[in-house]
Protein backbone atom coordinates (compact mmCIF):
# COMPACT_ATOMS: atom_id res chain seq x y z
CA MET A 1 23.78 28.29 -38.73
CA VAL A 2 20.34 27.07 -37.59
CA PHE A 3 18.91 24.47 -39.97
CA PRO A 4 15.16 24.49 -40.69
CA TRP A 5 14.72 20.96 -39.33
CA ALA A 6 16.16 22.05 -35.98
CA PHE A 7 13.68 24.92 -35.81
CA LEU A 8 10.79 22.56 -36.58
CA MET A 9 11.96 20.09 -33.93
CA ASN A 10 11.71 22.85 -31.33
CA LYS A 11 8.10 23.40 -32.40
CA THR A 12 7.01 19.76 -32.52
CA PHE A 13 5.95 17.71 -29.50
CA ASP A 14 4.28 14.45 -28.63
CA VAL A 15 1.69 16.22 -26.47
CA ILE A 16 0.79 19.85 -25.84
CA VAL A 17 -0.98 20.68 -22.58
CA VAL A 18 -3.08 23.86 -22.52
CA GLY A 19 -3.29 25.26 -19.00
CA LEU A 20 -0.82 24.71 -16.16
CA GLY A 21 -3.05 24.79 -13.13
CA SER A 22 -3.22 21.70 -10.94
CA MET A 23 -4.60 19.36 -13.61
CA GLY A 24 -2.45 20.54 -16.49
CA SER A 25 0.73 20.55 -14.40
CA SER A 26 -0.01 17.03 -13.14
CA ALA A 27 -0.65 15.81 -16.69
CA THR A 28 2.55 17.44 -17.91
CA MET A 29 4.50 15.75 -15.12
CA GLN A 30 3.06 12.29 -15.80
CA LEU A 31 3.66 12.57 -19.53
CA ALA A 32 7.23 13.82 -19.10
CA MET A 33 8.00 11.01 -16.66
CA ARG A 34 6.97 8.55 -19.39
CA GLY A 35 9.48 10.02 -21.82
CA GLN A 36 6.99 12.04 -23.83
CA LYS A 37 8.15 15.30 -25.36
CA VAL A 38 5.71 17.73 -23.72
CA LEU A 39 4.93 21.41 -24.03
CA GLY A 40 2.86 23.09 -21.33
CA LEU A 41 1.22 26.43 -22.15
CA GLU A 42 0.00 28.82 -19.46
CA GLN A 43 -1.50 32.21 -20.29
CA PHE A 44 -0.49 33.74 -16.93
CA GLU A 45 2.58 33.68 -14.71
CA PRO A 46 3.27 30.77 -12.33
CA PHE A 47 1.04 30.58 -9.23
CA HIS A 48 -1.36 33.28 -10.43
CA GLU A 49 -4.62 33.75 -8.53
CA LEU A 50 -7.01 34.22 -11.46
CA GLY A 51 -8.24 30.65 -11.78
CA SER A 52 -8.97 27.75 -9.45
CA SER A 53 -5.61 26.26 -8.39
CA HIS A 54 -4.14 28.95 -6.15
CA GLY A 55 -4.01 28.95 -2.38
CA THR A 56 -2.43 26.91 0.37
CA THR A 57 -4.77 24.03 1.17
CA ARG A 58 -7.52 21.89 -0.33
CA ALA A 59 -9.69 19.30 1.40
CA ILE A 60 -9.35 15.62 0.58
CA ARG A 61 -11.65 12.76 1.59
CA LEU A 62 -12.48 9.21 0.53
CA ALA A 63 -16.14 8.68 1.45
CA TYR A 64 -17.27 10.81 -1.44
CA TYR A 65 -20.87 11.94 -1.12
CA GLU A 66 -20.97 13.24 -4.70
CA HIS A 67 -20.96 9.70 -6.16
CA PRO A 68 -19.45 6.33 -5.20
CA SER A 69 -17.72 6.16 -8.61
CA TYR A 70 -15.21 8.74 -7.40
CA VAL A 71 -13.82 6.47 -4.70
CA PRO A 72 -11.52 4.33 -6.90
CA LEU A 73 -10.02 7.52 -8.35
CA LEU A 74 -9.52 8.87 -4.85
CA LYS A 75 -7.79 5.73 -3.65
CA ARG A 76 -5.32 6.05 -6.50
CA ALA A 77 -5.01 9.81 -5.89
CA TYR A 78 -3.93 9.15 -2.29
CA GLU A 79 -1.31 6.67 -3.48
CA ILE A 80 0.15 9.15 -5.95
CA TRP A 81 0.18 12.00 -3.43
CA HIS A 82 2.24 9.79 -1.11
CA GLU A 83 4.51 8.71 -3.97
CA LEU A 84 5.15 12.37 -4.75
CA GLU A 85 6.03 12.98 -1.10
CA TRP A 86 8.71 10.32 -1.45
CA LEU A 87 9.98 11.86 -4.69
CA THR A 88 10.10 15.43 -3.40
CA GLY A 89 10.81 15.03 0.32
CA GLU A 90 7.87 17.37 0.96
CA THR A 91 4.76 16.84 3.06
CA LEU A 92 1.92 17.13 0.54
CA ILE A 93 -1.01 15.51 2.35
CA ASP A 94 -2.17 15.55 5.97
CA GLU A 95 -4.77 12.98 7.01
CA CYS A 96 -6.05 14.86 10.05
CA GLY A 97 -9.61 13.55 9.56
CA CYS A 98 -12.73 15.02 7.98
CA LEU A 99 -15.94 15.57 9.98
CA THR A 100 -19.24 16.16 8.18
CA ILE A 101 -22.12 17.48 10.29
CA GLY A 102 -25.73 17.42 9.17
CA LYS A 103 -29.15 15.93 9.74
CA PRO A 104 -29.32 12.15 9.17
CA GLU A 105 -31.64 12.52 6.18
CA HIS A 106 -29.49 15.15 4.40
CA GLU A 107 -28.34 14.07 0.93
CA VAL A 108 -24.70 14.69 1.85
CA ILE A 109 -24.92 12.42 4.88
CA HIS A 110 -26.70 9.80 2.77
CA GLY A 111 -24.06 10.06 0.03
CA ILE A 112 -21.16 9.62 2.48
CA ARG A 113 -22.76 6.55 3.97
CA GLN A 114 -23.41 5.10 0.52
CA SER A 115 -19.80 5.54 -0.64
CA ALA A 116 -18.42 4.20 2.64
CA SER A 117 -20.67 1.15 2.52
CA GLN A 118 -20.06 0.35 -1.14
CA HIS A 119 -16.27 0.67 -0.84
CA HIS A 120 -15.83 -0.59 2.75
CA LEU A 121 -14.37 2.67 4.07
CA LYS A 122 -13.77 3.47 7.71
CA LEU A 123 -16.37 5.87 9.08
CA SER A 124 -17.42 6.79 12.62
CA GLU A 125 -20.84 8.22 13.50
CA LEU A 126 -21.19 10.73 16.34
CA ASN A 127 -24.35 12.19 17.83
CA ALA A 128 -24.56 15.89 18.66
CA ARG A 129 -23.42 15.43 22.26
CA GLU A 130 -20.43 13.34 21.18
CA ILE A 131 -19.45 15.97 18.62
CA ARG A 132 -19.53 18.73 21.27
CA ASN A 133 -17.48 16.65 23.70
CA ARG A 134 -14.85 15.56 21.20
CA PHE A 135 -14.66 18.76 19.16
CA PRO A 136 -15.70 21.62 21.47
CA VAL A 137 -15.34 24.33 18.81
CA PHE A 138 -18.40 22.96 16.96
CA LEU A 139 -21.99 23.52 18.04
CA PRO A 140 -24.23 21.07 16.16
CA GLU A 141 -27.98 21.15 16.50
CA ASP A 142 -29.42 18.45 18.75
CA ASP A 143 -30.79 16.48 15.79
CA GLU A 144 -27.59 16.66 13.75
CA ILE A 145 -25.01 13.91 13.55
CA GLY A 146 -21.36 13.80 12.53
CA LEU A 147 -19.62 11.38 10.18
CA LEU A 148 -15.91 11.27 10.87
CA GLU A 149 -13.61 9.89 8.19
CA PRO A 150 -10.12 9.20 9.59
CA HIS A 151 -8.35 9.38 6.23
CA GLY A 152 -9.84 12.74 5.33
CA GLY A 153 -7.74 15.86 5.63
CA TYR A 154 -6.08 18.31 3.28
CA VAL A 155 -3.39 18.61 0.64
CA TRP A 156 -0.88 21.46 0.57
CA ALA A 157 -2.05 22.89 -2.75
CA ARG A 158 0.80 25.21 -3.64
CA ARG A 159 3.42 22.62 -2.71
CA CYS A 160 1.62 20.11 -4.91
CA LEU A 161 1.55 22.48 -7.86
CA GLN A 162 5.25 23.26 -7.38
CA ALA A 163 6.05 19.56 -7.21
CA PHE A 164 4.21 18.85 -10.47
CA GLN A 165 6.06 21.63 -12.26
CA ASN A 166 9.51 20.86 -10.82
CA ILE A 167 9.26 17.18 -11.73
CA SER A 168 7.96 18.11 -15.20
CA MET A 169 10.97 20.29 -15.93
CA HIS A 170 13.38 17.77 -14.38
CA ASN A 171 12.05 15.24 -16.89
CA GLY A 172 12.46 17.56 -19.87
CA ALA A 173 9.07 19.21 -20.26
CA SER A 174 8.95 22.72 -21.71
CA LEU A 175 6.73 25.05 -19.67
CA HIS A 176 5.83 28.36 -21.32
CA TYR A 177 4.24 31.01 -19.10
CA GLY A 178 2.59 34.17 -20.36
CA GLU A 179 1.70 32.44 -23.63
CA VAL A 180 -1.97 32.26 -24.61
CA ALA A 181 -3.31 29.39 -26.71
CA THR A 182 -5.61 31.04 -29.26
CA SER A 183 -6.74 28.14 -31.46
CA LEU A 184 -6.50 24.40 -32.04
CA GLU A 185 -6.41 23.12 -35.62
CA PHE A 186 -6.73 19.35 -36.12
CA HIS A 187 -5.43 17.45 -39.12
CA GLY A 188 -4.76 13.88 -40.09
CA ASN A 189 -1.62 13.32 -38.05
CA GLY A 190 -2.15 15.62 -35.10
CA VAL A 191 -2.93 19.14 -34.01
CA THR A 192 -1.53 22.62 -34.50
CA VAL A 193 -1.80 24.89 -31.49
CA LYS A 194 -1.55 28.57 -32.26
CA THR A 195 -0.66 31.04 -29.53
CA ASN A 196 -0.16 34.77 -29.20
CA LYS A 197 3.58 34.14 -29.74
CA SER A 198 4.01 31.16 -32.06
CA GLU A 199 2.50 27.90 -33.29
CA TYR A 200 3.33 24.34 -32.32
CA HIS A 201 2.55 20.85 -33.56
CA ALA A 202 1.81 17.65 -31.66
CA GLY A 203 0.15 14.28 -31.95
CA ARG A 204 -2.29 15.14 -29.14
CA VAL A 205 -3.48 18.11 -27.18
CA VAL A 206 -4.70 18.06 -23.58
CA VAL A 207 -7.03 20.91 -22.60
CA CYS A 208 -6.88 21.73 -18.88
CA ALA A 209 -7.85 25.38 -19.17
CA GLY A 210 -10.02 25.73 -16.06
CA PRO A 211 -12.53 28.60 -16.40
CA TRP A 212 -11.43 29.05 -20.02
CA VAL A 213 -11.99 25.40 -21.03
CA SER A 214 -15.22 25.98 -22.99
CA LYS A 215 -13.33 28.20 -25.44
CA PHE A 216 -11.71 25.06 -26.87
CA LEU A 217 -14.54 22.53 -26.66
CA GLY A 218 -16.99 23.76 -29.28
CA PRO A 219 -20.55 22.43 -28.69
CA ALA A 220 -19.35 20.16 -25.87
CA GLY A 221 -18.45 23.27 -23.89
CA ASN A 222 -21.76 25.13 -24.26
CA PRO A 223 -23.24 23.95 -20.93
CA ILE A 224 -20.18 25.03 -18.91
CA ARG A 225 -20.88 27.78 -16.38
CA LEU A 226 -18.69 29.64 -13.89
CA MET A 227 -19.35 30.58 -10.30
CA ARG A 228 -17.58 33.11 -8.14
CA GLN A 229 -16.64 31.90 -4.66
CA THR A 230 -14.92 33.62 -1.73
CA LEU A 231 -12.61 32.18 0.92
CA HIS A 232 -12.28 33.75 4.35
CA TRP A 233 -9.67 33.45 7.10
CA PHE A 234 -10.53 34.23 10.73
CA THR A 235 -8.07 34.55 13.60
CA PRO A 236 -9.45 32.74 16.67
CA SER A 237 -8.89 34.08 20.18
CA ASN A 238 -7.54 30.64 21.12
CA PRO A 239 -5.62 29.36 18.09
CA MET A 240 -4.66 26.10 19.79
CA SER A 241 -8.31 25.05 19.95
CA PHE A 242 -8.29 24.92 16.13
CA GLY A 243 -4.98 23.08 15.79
CA ARG A 244 -4.87 20.09 13.46
CA PHE A 245 -4.56 17.63 16.36
CA LYS A 246 -7.79 18.95 17.87
CA THR A 247 -9.87 20.01 14.88
CA PRO A 248 -10.29 18.07 11.62
CA VAL A 249 -11.27 19.42 8.24
CA PHE A 250 -15.00 20.05 8.63
CA MET A 251 -18.13 20.32 6.52
CA PHE A 252 -21.57 21.51 7.62
CA ALA A 253 -24.42 20.30 5.42
CA LYS A 254 -27.24 22.70 6.23
CA GLU A 255 -30.69 22.67 4.67
CA GLN A 256 -30.07 25.79 2.58
CA ALA A 257 -26.29 25.97 2.37
CA PHE A 258 -23.08 23.98 2.64
CA TYR A 259 -19.99 25.30 4.46
CA TYR A 260 -16.53 23.84 4.89
CA GLY A 261 -13.31 24.76 6.67
CA PHE A 262 -9.88 23.71 7.87
CA PRO A 263 -7.97 23.52 11.12
CA MET A 264 -5.62 26.43 11.69
CA VAL A 265 -2.63 25.38 9.60
CA GLU A 266 -2.01 28.79 8.02
CA PRO A 267 -0.75 31.90 9.85
CA ALA A 268 -3.77 33.84 8.54
CA GLY A 269 -6.12 31.73 10.64
CA VAL A 270 -8.98 29.30 10.12
CA LYS A 271 -10.06 29.11 6.48
CA ILE A 272 -13.83 28.84 5.90
CA ALA A 273 -15.98 29.10 2.79
CA ARG A 274 -19.42 28.39 1.44
CA HIS A 275 -19.69 25.72 -1.25
CA TYR A 276 -21.89 26.73 -4.23
CA GLY A 277 -24.83 29.07 -3.68
CA GLN A 278 -23.70 31.92 -5.96
CA PRO A 279 -24.98 33.03 -9.39
CA GLU A 280 -23.67 31.24 -12.47
CA VAL A 281 -22.23 33.11 -15.45
CA ALA A 282 -21.09 32.02 -18.90
CA LYS A 283 -17.72 33.75 -19.27
CA GLU A 284 -14.71 34.46 -17.08
CA GLU A 285 -14.88 38.21 -17.71
CA GLN A 286 -18.31 38.25 -16.04
CA ILE A 287 -16.81 37.12 -12.72
CA ASP A 288 -16.73 39.72 -9.95
CA ARG A 289 -13.26 39.33 -8.46
CA MET A 290 -13.84 41.67 -5.52
CA VAL A 291 -14.69 40.41 -2.03
CA HIS A 292 -17.61 42.38 -0.57
CA PRO A 293 -18.81 42.89 3.02
CA GLU A 294 -21.89 40.75 2.37
CA ASP A 295 -19.62 37.80 1.53
CA GLU A 296 -18.10 37.92 4.98
CA ASN A 297 -21.43 38.64 6.65
CA SER A 298 -22.86 35.43 5.20
CA ILE A 299 -20.01 33.40 6.70
CA ARG A 300 -20.38 35.11 10.08
CA LYS A 301 -24.08 34.20 10.23
CA PHE A 302 -23.11 30.57 9.76
CA LEU A 303 -20.40 30.85 12.42
CA ALA A 304 -22.86 32.29 14.94
CA GLY A 305 -24.88 29.10 14.94
CA SER A 306 -22.23 26.46 14.32
CA ILE A 307 -18.77 27.70 15.39
CA PRO A 308 -19.57 30.53 17.82
CA SER A 309 -16.01 31.06 19.02
CA LEU A 310 -15.17 32.38 15.55
CA GLN A 311 -18.22 34.59 15.07
CA ASN A 312 -16.54 37.76 16.33
CA SER A 313 -12.97 36.83 15.40
CA ALA A 314 -10.90 39.23 13.36
CA SER A 315 -11.00 38.69 9.62
CA ALA A 316 -7.39 38.17 8.53
CA GLN A 317 -7.93 38.00 4.78
CA ALA A 318 -10.34 37.01 2.05
CA LYS A 319 -9.82 35.88 -1.54
CA GLY A 320 -11.88 34.88 -4.52
CA CYS A 321 -11.71 31.87 -6.81
CA ILE A 322 -13.73 30.41 -9.67
CA TYR A 323 -15.69 27.18 -9.93
CA THR A 324 -15.97 25.76 -13.46
CA LEU A 325 -19.32 23.96 -13.40
CA THR A 326 -20.89 21.19 -15.41
CA PRO A 327 -24.70 20.78 -15.22
CA ASP A 328 -24.41 17.59 -13.14
CA ARG A 329 -21.36 18.83 -11.18
CA HIS A 330 -19.27 15.88 -12.35
CA PHE A 331 -15.98 16.25 -14.22
CA LEU A 332 -15.20 16.32 -17.92
CA LEU A 333 -12.41 13.78 -18.30
CA GLY A 334 -11.43 11.80 -21.37
CA ALA A 335 -10.84 11.96 -25.11
CA LEU A 336 -13.45 13.34 -27.47
CA GLN A 337 -15.25 10.54 -29.26
CA ASN A 338 -14.94 11.98 -32.76
CA ASN A 339 -11.60 13.65 -32.13
CA PRO A 340 -9.42 11.35 -29.99
CA GLN A 341 -6.43 13.63 -30.54
CA MET A 342 -8.01 15.96 -27.98
CA ILE A 343 -8.19 15.00 -24.31
CA VAL A 344 -10.18 17.15 -21.88
CA ALA A 345 -9.69 17.55 -18.14
CA GLY A 346 -12.07 20.26 -17.00
CA GLY A 347 -15.35 21.17 -15.37
CA PHE A 348 -14.12 20.18 -11.93
CA SER A 349 -17.04 22.01 -10.34
CA GLY A 350 -15.33 23.20 -7.18
CA HIS A 351 -14.27 19.78 -5.88
CA GLY A 352 -11.46 18.71 -8.18
CA PHE A 353 -8.08 19.63 -6.70
CA LYS A 354 -7.83 16.52 -4.51
CA PHE A 355 -7.97 14.46 -7.72
CA ALA A 356 -5.16 16.33 -9.49
CA SER A 357 -2.58 13.61 -8.89
CA VAL A 358 -4.72 10.88 -10.46
CA VAL A 359 -6.15 13.08 -13.21
CA GLY A 360 -2.60 13.58 -14.50
CA GLU A 361 -2.09 9.82 -14.58
CA VAL A 362 -5.43 9.24 -16.33
CA VAL A 363 -4.55 11.81 -18.99
CA ALA A 364 -1.12 10.29 -19.53
CA ASP A 365 -2.67 6.80 -19.83
CA ILE A 366 -5.12 8.02 -22.48
CA CYS A 367 -2.35 9.78 -24.40
CA THR A 368 0.07 6.85 -24.35
CA LYS A 369 -2.19 3.78 -24.09
CA GLN A 370 -5.51 5.14 -25.44
CA ASN A 371 -7.32 4.11 -22.25
CA SER A 372 -7.33 4.19 -18.47
CA ASN A 373 -7.75 1.31 -16.05
CA LEU A 374 -10.15 3.47 -14.02
CA ASP A 375 -13.87 3.71 -14.79
CA LEU A 376 -14.47 7.10 -16.43
CA LYS A 377 -18.04 6.63 -17.70
CA LEU A 378 -19.41 9.23 -15.27
CA PHE A 379 -17.06 11.86 -16.73
CA HIS A 380 -17.52 11.51 -20.50
CA PRO A 381 -16.66 14.98 -21.85
CA GLU A 382 -19.40 15.00 -24.50
CA ARG A 383 -22.28 13.73 -22.38
CA PHE A 384 -24.19 17.02 -22.56
CA MET A 385 -24.10 17.48 -26.31
CA ASN A 386 -27.56 15.99 -26.88
CA ASP A 387 -28.97 18.51 -24.39
CA ASN A 388 -28.00 21.44 -26.62
CA PRO A 389 -30.34 22.93 -29.22
């Protein structure tokens, strides 16, 4: 006989996490490791490619041009990535260096210098001739410079996601795939999360729903927009010239566009993409998930001027992904002011994966201690509400 209290216990949790991409899986792991009874809900199957967390690699860097306030989070993110390597026995992060090329007055170059100066980070400056000599695959313009960060590199994204989920389950978390959260109902002592299969109860809910995050945020989610992006892999005629010991992660800050890429660490070839520069839409169903010839043509035009040895290389594959954008391109991270039972980790604006390890810790701190030791003022999840009609 199954007693009613036993049934209710199976439906009641300390924390429910909505979305099991990188951020939600990291949060679930951190909460489970602290002894919290956690339920993770994911509308799709594991490792799906419909959101923003799929793929093999993501760039990581410390001298963060976006804002110096990110640097303390990044320092802690690096520490946790390395701790997870110890826990799993897997290589999760490779500090092969990150080279940013652009004109000295470009805002990206200025931002990197500002973060490095404020936080005393190692950074080397190269002129165009030095870039060509040290990294022959790149062809900077004569008036461009390079900023080389030795601790930049990449994280192995799928391995990281797998590690989060394996450690979560090892510590007792319940992960439900193919289950869609349809509504959140708040009451005096917690929240009820209804899904397409059941309903559950918890003291807190963490929303890490990626491109679907605005569905749960009410007015705070109105400014969220989505952007389609495409990733392209090219097979070089001389693969060794793009090996990780010869070529770092690279970024080209051009006047009208920003491109980034990786050394050849995947069999498919050298991964390259454009950052931003596409139309913004309001809903996920408006995203064009096809990769079109003009997407590749745009990348090849960039290659012709900056990495000519790849311009005519065979295209091995191409995939799409989604950026979830805030108006200022900074994250939404923290509890809602008038509803502290709800914690948001979203709006990562195309540059969030590298932070996944520390975002999980921040979320767990807020859930269990009501605060984080890190400065989160830049990321207040309701900062745009006064901008709405």
